[in-house]
Protein backbone atom coordinates (compact mmCIF):
# COMPACT_ATOMS: atom_id res chain seq x y z
CA MET A 1 17.41 -71.49 -32.56
CA SER A 2 14.47 -72.47 -30.42
CA GLU A 3 13.53 -70.80 -27.15
CA ASN A 4 15.41 -73.54 -25.23
CA SER A 5 18.55 -73.16 -27.42
CA ILE A 6 20.85 -72.59 -24.36
CA ARG A 7 19.75 -75.98 -22.95
CA SER A 8 20.95 -77.56 -26.17
CA LEU A 9 24.27 -75.73 -25.95
CA LEU A 10 24.80 -76.82 -22.36
CA ARG A 11 24.49 -80.54 -23.58
CA LEU A 12 27.25 -80.11 -26.18
CA ASP A 13 30.74 -81.40 -25.51
CA LYS A 14 32.38 -78.03 -25.77
CA SER A 15 32.93 -74.93 -23.70
CA LEU A 16 30.72 -71.90 -24.30
CA ILE A 17 31.74 -68.31 -24.74
CA MET A 18 29.36 -65.71 -23.37
CA GLY A 19 30.02 -62.28 -24.98
CA VAL A 20 29.52 -59.23 -22.70
CA VAL A 21 27.22 -56.49 -23.99
CA ASN A 22 27.05 -53.68 -21.41
CA ILE A 23 24.51 -50.95 -22.22
CA THR A 24 25.75 -48.76 -19.39
CA PRO A 25 27.73 -45.59 -18.91
CA ASP A 26 29.75 -46.83 -16.00
CA SER A 27 30.81 -50.50 -16.35
CA PHE A 28 34.38 -50.99 -15.19
CA SER A 29 35.86 -52.01 -18.56
CA ASP A 30 33.70 -50.69 -21.37
CA GLY A 31 31.29 -48.27 -19.69
CA GLY A 32 29.90 -45.72 -22.11
CA GLN A 33 31.25 -47.43 -25.26
CA PHE A 34 27.89 -48.96 -26.12
CA ASN A 35 25.53 -46.82 -24.04
CA ASP A 36 22.97 -46.78 -26.87
CA SER A 37 20.81 -49.58 -28.13
CA SER A 38 21.98 -49.30 -31.76
CA LEU A 39 25.61 -49.30 -30.77
CA ALA A 40 25.05 -52.22 -28.46
CA VAL A 41 23.31 -54.23 -31.13
CA GLU A 42 26.18 -53.51 -33.56
CA HIS A 43 28.72 -54.60 -30.90
CA ALA A 44 26.73 -57.78 -30.12
CA LEU A 45 26.58 -58.73 -33.81
CA SER A 46 30.30 -58.24 -33.98
CA LEU A 47 30.70 -60.63 -31.06
CA VAL A 48 28.56 -63.19 -32.86
CA GLU A 49 30.87 -63.04 -35.84
CA GLN A 50 33.84 -63.50 -33.49
CA GLY A 51 32.42 -66.71 -32.13
CA ALA A 52 30.14 -65.91 -29.16
CA ASP A 53 27.78 -68.74 -28.25
CA ILE A 54 25.64 -66.58 -25.96
CA LEU A 55 25.15 -62.78 -25.72
CA ASP A 56 24.80 -61.40 -22.19
CA ILE A 57 22.84 -58.15 -22.24
CA GLY A 58 23.11 -55.88 -19.21
CA GLY A 59 21.68 -52.40 -18.44
CA GLU A 60 23.11 -51.81 -14.94
CA SER A 61 26.74 -51.81 -13.92
CA THR A 62 27.70 -54.06 -11.01
CA ARG A 63 31.30 -52.86 -10.70
CA PRO A 64 32.45 -51.97 -7.15
CA GLY A 65 30.78 -48.75 -6.10
CA ALA A 66 28.31 -48.70 -8.96
CA GLU A 67 25.09 -46.79 -8.47
CA GLU A 68 21.71 -48.44 -8.82
CA VAL A 69 19.50 -47.60 -11.78
CA SER A 70 15.73 -47.62 -11.85
CA VAL A 71 13.69 -50.40 -13.43
CA GLU A 72 12.43 -47.98 -16.03
CA GLN A 73 15.99 -46.96 -17.03
CA GLU A 74 17.18 -50.52 -17.22
CA LEU A 75 14.24 -51.57 -19.35
CA LYS A 76 14.86 -48.62 -21.68
CA ARG A 77 18.43 -49.80 -22.17
CA VAL A 78 18.00 -53.53 -22.66
CA ILE A 79 14.63 -54.28 -24.20
CA PRO A 80 15.15 -52.51 -27.55
CA ALA A 81 18.49 -54.20 -27.89
CA ILE A 82 17.03 -57.69 -27.18
CA GLU A 83 14.21 -57.19 -29.63
CA ALA A 84 16.62 -55.96 -32.33
CA LEU A 85 19.04 -58.80 -31.79
CA LYS A 86 16.22 -61.41 -31.93
CA ALA A 87 15.38 -60.15 -35.42
CA GLN A 88 18.99 -60.32 -36.55
CA THR A 89 20.66 -63.34 -35.02
CA THR A 90 19.91 -66.82 -33.83
CA VAL A 91 22.51 -66.71 -31.07
CA PRO A 92 20.67 -66.94 -27.78
CA ILE A 93 20.45 -64.00 -25.43
CA SER A 94 20.99 -63.86 -21.68
CA ILE A 95 19.62 -61.04 -19.60
CA ASP A 96 22.04 -59.82 -16.91
CA THR A 97 19.78 -58.47 -14.20
CA TYR A 98 18.65 -59.02 -10.65
CA LYS A 99 15.32 -57.23 -11.01
CA PRO A 100 12.26 -59.54 -11.54
CA GLN A 101 10.47 -56.88 -13.67
CA VAL A 102 13.45 -56.69 -16.04
CA MET A 103 13.71 -60.52 -16.11
CA ARG A 104 10.09 -60.84 -17.11
CA ALA A 105 10.20 -58.17 -19.80
CA ALA A 106 13.45 -59.54 -21.20
CA VAL A 107 12.03 -63.02 -21.48
CA GLU A 108 8.96 -61.66 -23.25
CA ALA A 109 11.32 -59.80 -25.64
CA GLY A 110 13.19 -63.00 -26.48
CA ALA A 111 15.88 -63.74 -23.83
CA SER A 112 16.62 -67.45 -23.39
CA MET A 113 18.58 -67.24 -20.06
CA ILE A 114 18.54 -65.23 -16.80
CA ASN A 115 21.91 -64.30 -15.34
CA ASP A 116 21.40 -62.93 -11.78
CA VAL A 117 24.36 -61.50 -9.86
CA ASN A 118 22.09 -61.42 -6.77
CA GLY A 119 21.35 -65.13 -6.85
CA LEU A 120 17.57 -64.83 -7.28
CA ARG A 121 17.30 -63.19 -3.80
CA ALA A 122 15.25 -60.13 -4.76
CA PRO A 123 11.56 -60.44 -3.87
CA GLY A 124 9.82 -62.28 -6.68
CA ALA A 125 12.92 -63.15 -8.64
CA VAL A 126 12.85 -66.87 -8.12
CA GLU A 127 9.14 -67.03 -9.05
CA VAL A 128 9.76 -65.07 -12.26
CA ALA A 129 12.71 -67.31 -13.06
CA ALA A 130 10.67 -70.48 -12.45
CA ALA A 131 7.83 -69.21 -14.64
CA ALA A 132 10.25 -68.43 -17.46
CA ASN A 133 11.27 -72.18 -17.62
CA MET A 134 14.74 -71.60 -18.94
CA PRO A 135 18.43 -71.85 -17.78
CA ILE A 136 19.37 -69.46 -15.00
CA CYS A 137 22.72 -68.46 -13.53
CA ILE A 138 22.94 -67.93 -9.82
CA MET A 139 25.99 -65.87 -8.73
CA HIS A 140 27.47 -65.45 -5.31
CA MET A 141 28.08 -61.87 -4.15
CA GLN A 142 28.97 -60.86 -0.56
CA GLY A 143 27.22 -57.51 0.13
CA GLN A 144 26.12 -55.13 -2.65
CA PRO A 145 28.06 -53.53 -5.53
CA GLN A 146 28.16 -50.26 -3.59
CA THR A 147 30.05 -51.72 -0.63
CA MET A 148 31.16 -55.28 -1.54
CA GLN A 149 34.87 -54.50 -1.84
CA ALA A 150 35.13 -52.48 1.35
CA ARG A 151 36.43 -55.29 3.59
CA PRO A 152 35.32 -58.71 2.34
CA LYS A 153 35.83 -61.42 4.94
CA TYR A 154 35.22 -65.14 5.10
CA GLU A 155 36.05 -67.94 7.57
CA SER A 156 36.39 -70.17 4.54
CA VAL A 157 35.44 -68.65 1.17
CA VAL A 158 35.00 -71.95 -0.68
CA ALA A 159 32.89 -73.54 2.04
CA GLN A 160 30.72 -70.42 2.44
CA VAL A 161 30.17 -70.02 -1.37
CA ASP A 162 29.35 -73.73 -1.52
CA ALA A 163 26.84 -73.36 1.28
CA PHE A 164 25.28 -70.37 -0.42
CA PHE A 165 24.92 -72.25 -3.71
CA LYS A 166 23.23 -75.25 -1.95
CA GLN A 167 20.80 -72.96 -0.18
CA ARG A 168 19.90 -71.13 -3.40
CA ILE A 169 19.59 -74.45 -5.30
CA THR A 170 17.13 -75.66 -2.69
CA THR A 171 15.07 -72.51 -3.02
CA ALA A 172 15.12 -72.76 -6.82
CA LEU A 173 14.12 -76.42 -6.80
CA ASP A 174 11.30 -75.70 -4.36
CA ALA A 175 10.03 -73.00 -6.82
CA GLY A 176 9.99 -75.57 -9.65
CA ILE A 177 13.25 -74.72 -11.39
CA LYS A 178 15.00 -77.91 -12.72
CA LEU A 179 18.49 -78.74 -11.50
CA ASP A 180 19.75 -79.14 -15.05
CA ASP A 181 18.71 -75.54 -15.68
CA ILE A 182 20.84 -74.12 -12.79
CA ILE A 183 24.26 -72.69 -13.64
CA LEU A 184 26.50 -71.36 -10.83
CA ASP A 185 28.93 -68.47 -10.83
CA PRO A 186 31.21 -68.00 -7.80
CA GLY A 187 31.33 -64.28 -8.45
CA ILE A 188 34.99 -63.52 -8.98
CA GLY A 189 35.60 -60.02 -7.73
CA PHE A 190 32.19 -59.68 -6.09
CA GLY A 191 33.00 -59.16 -2.38
CA LYS A 192 36.32 -61.03 -2.58
CA THR A 193 39.99 -60.28 -2.01
CA LEU A 194 42.64 -61.50 -4.37
CA LYS A 195 43.26 -64.48 -2.16
CA HIS A 196 39.48 -65.32 -2.11
CA ASN A 197 39.32 -65.15 -5.93
CA LEU A 198 42.28 -67.45 -6.43
CA GLU A 199 40.91 -70.00 -3.95
CA LEU A 200 37.56 -70.03 -5.76
CA LEU A 201 39.17 -70.34 -9.20
CA LYS A 202 41.16 -73.31 -7.92
CA SER A 203 38.02 -74.88 -6.39
CA VAL A 204 35.83 -75.03 -9.45
CA PRO A 205 36.09 -78.88 -9.76
CA GLN A 206 35.12 -79.15 -6.06
CA LEU A 207 32.15 -76.83 -6.36
CA ARG A 208 30.91 -78.64 -9.46
CA VAL A 209 30.95 -82.00 -7.75
CA SER A 210 29.44 -80.65 -4.55
CA THR A 211 26.50 -78.89 -6.25
CA GLY A 212 25.92 -81.03 -9.30
CA CYS A 213 25.66 -77.91 -11.45
CA GLN A 214 27.50 -76.40 -14.43
CA MET A 215 29.74 -73.50 -13.66
CA LEU A 216 30.06 -70.04 -15.33
CA LEU A 217 33.13 -67.90 -14.64
CA GLY A 218 33.57 -64.22 -15.36
CA VAL A 219 37.30 -63.32 -15.07
CA SER A 220 37.67 -61.15 -18.20
CA ARG A 221 39.69 -57.96 -17.46
CA LYS A 222 38.96 -58.26 -13.73
CA SER A 223 40.98 -56.26 -11.18
CA LEU A 224 42.59 -59.36 -9.76
CA ILE A 225 44.91 -59.17 -12.83
CA ASP A 226 45.91 -55.70 -11.77
CA LYS A 227 46.60 -56.93 -8.19
CA LEU A 228 48.73 -59.85 -9.46
CA LEU A 229 50.55 -58.12 -12.33
CA GLY A 230 49.94 -54.33 -12.11
CA ARG A 231 48.06 -54.08 -15.41
CA ALA A 232 45.57 -51.38 -16.39
CA VAL A 233 42.20 -52.50 -17.88
CA ASP A 234 43.41 -52.09 -21.49
CA GLN A 235 46.49 -54.27 -20.73
CA ARG A 236 44.74 -57.29 -19.32
CA LEU A 237 44.06 -59.37 -22.42
CA PRO A 238 46.92 -61.95 -22.07
CA ALA A 239 46.04 -62.58 -18.38
CA SER A 240 42.30 -62.74 -19.23
CA LEU A 241 43.05 -65.42 -21.83
CA GLY A 242 45.10 -67.34 -19.31
CA LEU A 243 42.34 -67.29 -16.76
CA ALA A 244 39.71 -68.32 -19.36
CA VAL A 245 41.74 -71.31 -20.47
CA GLN A 246 42.52 -72.25 -16.87
CA SER A 247 38.76 -71.99 -16.08
CA ILE A 248 37.83 -74.28 -18.92
CA LEU A 249 40.49 -76.84 -18.08
CA ASN A 250 39.21 -76.76 -14.54
CA GLY A 251 35.73 -77.70 -15.71
CA ALA A 252 33.83 -74.45 -16.15
CA LYS A 253 31.18 -74.75 -18.94
CA ILE A 254 30.84 -71.10 -19.75
CA VAL A 255 33.29 -68.18 -19.68
CA ARG A 256 31.90 -64.65 -19.78
CA VAL A 257 34.28 -62.44 -21.68
CA HIS A 258 34.76 -59.08 -23.46
CA ASP A 259 37.37 -60.29 -25.95
CA VAL A 260 35.48 -63.01 -27.80
CA ARG A 261 37.66 -63.71 -30.84
CA GLU A 262 40.87 -63.97 -28.83
CA THR A 263 39.13 -66.20 -26.27
CA TYR A 264 37.54 -68.32 -28.96
CA ASP A 265 40.98 -69.01 -30.50
CA ALA A 266 42.59 -69.78 -27.16
CA ILE A 267 39.90 -72.09 -25.96
CA ARG A 268 39.27 -73.97 -29.23
CA VAL A 269 42.98 -74.92 -29.67
CA VAL A 270 43.14 -76.10 -26.03
CA GLU A 271 39.99 -78.20 -26.58
CA ALA A 272 41.42 -79.70 -29.72
CA VAL A 273 44.47 -80.93 -27.80
CA ARG A 274 42.37 -82.15 -24.87
CA ASN A 275 40.00 -84.04 -27.13
CA SER A 276 42.56 -85.48 -29.57
């Protein structure tokens, strides 16, 4: 695929599956499983075989309470994996980072999308994203990973997330980023209670209309499932699939998931019925 392959995918009349590739020792679900570039590449190629449309490569955990890592450590984790994957697959790569230095290096290594949990708020991030001239995902997060789940509070979570999105869209447009290249993620589990998460999931159609942007949702194996059903991380697949299908039916364009094959099957049969 070309450098702008994700733009082409976004124009297709189908939902997109983003496969999670965490090169970290401490991610909430799979921390340490692929904490090596060669293992990460092997895992990513397996996700491609399972039906992933996009590979999301991350080198720093953003789970609640996660510790920050240095730019150098993050680069050491993600750049070799991106370079190796570019040589072995045409499936486009997204870089999951909020650090402009990592964004720039990942784009140079072959990434085709920037996925920023910090909403391009780090100094220099929006400028790097604009210069990259590719799709970006702006996520909402209240606080920082170290403290975001302490006591999240909103007057109206949907209205405040919507206002945040509009402010970040304005900043991005002013920097030269095209509206069609902006994807929004309400940040399920990032500084939200169970009630906040459910309200946001229900409000995807409203947020899409209000902002004019495509939506990305990451609900795979999230703790809201435990809060609803009392399920440990390794028991959350059925609920993850239910949330993925619900997200797509609600208008999300991309779902970010760990279990690609199962999500692929669930979403494609739902799309077949919807489009028949």
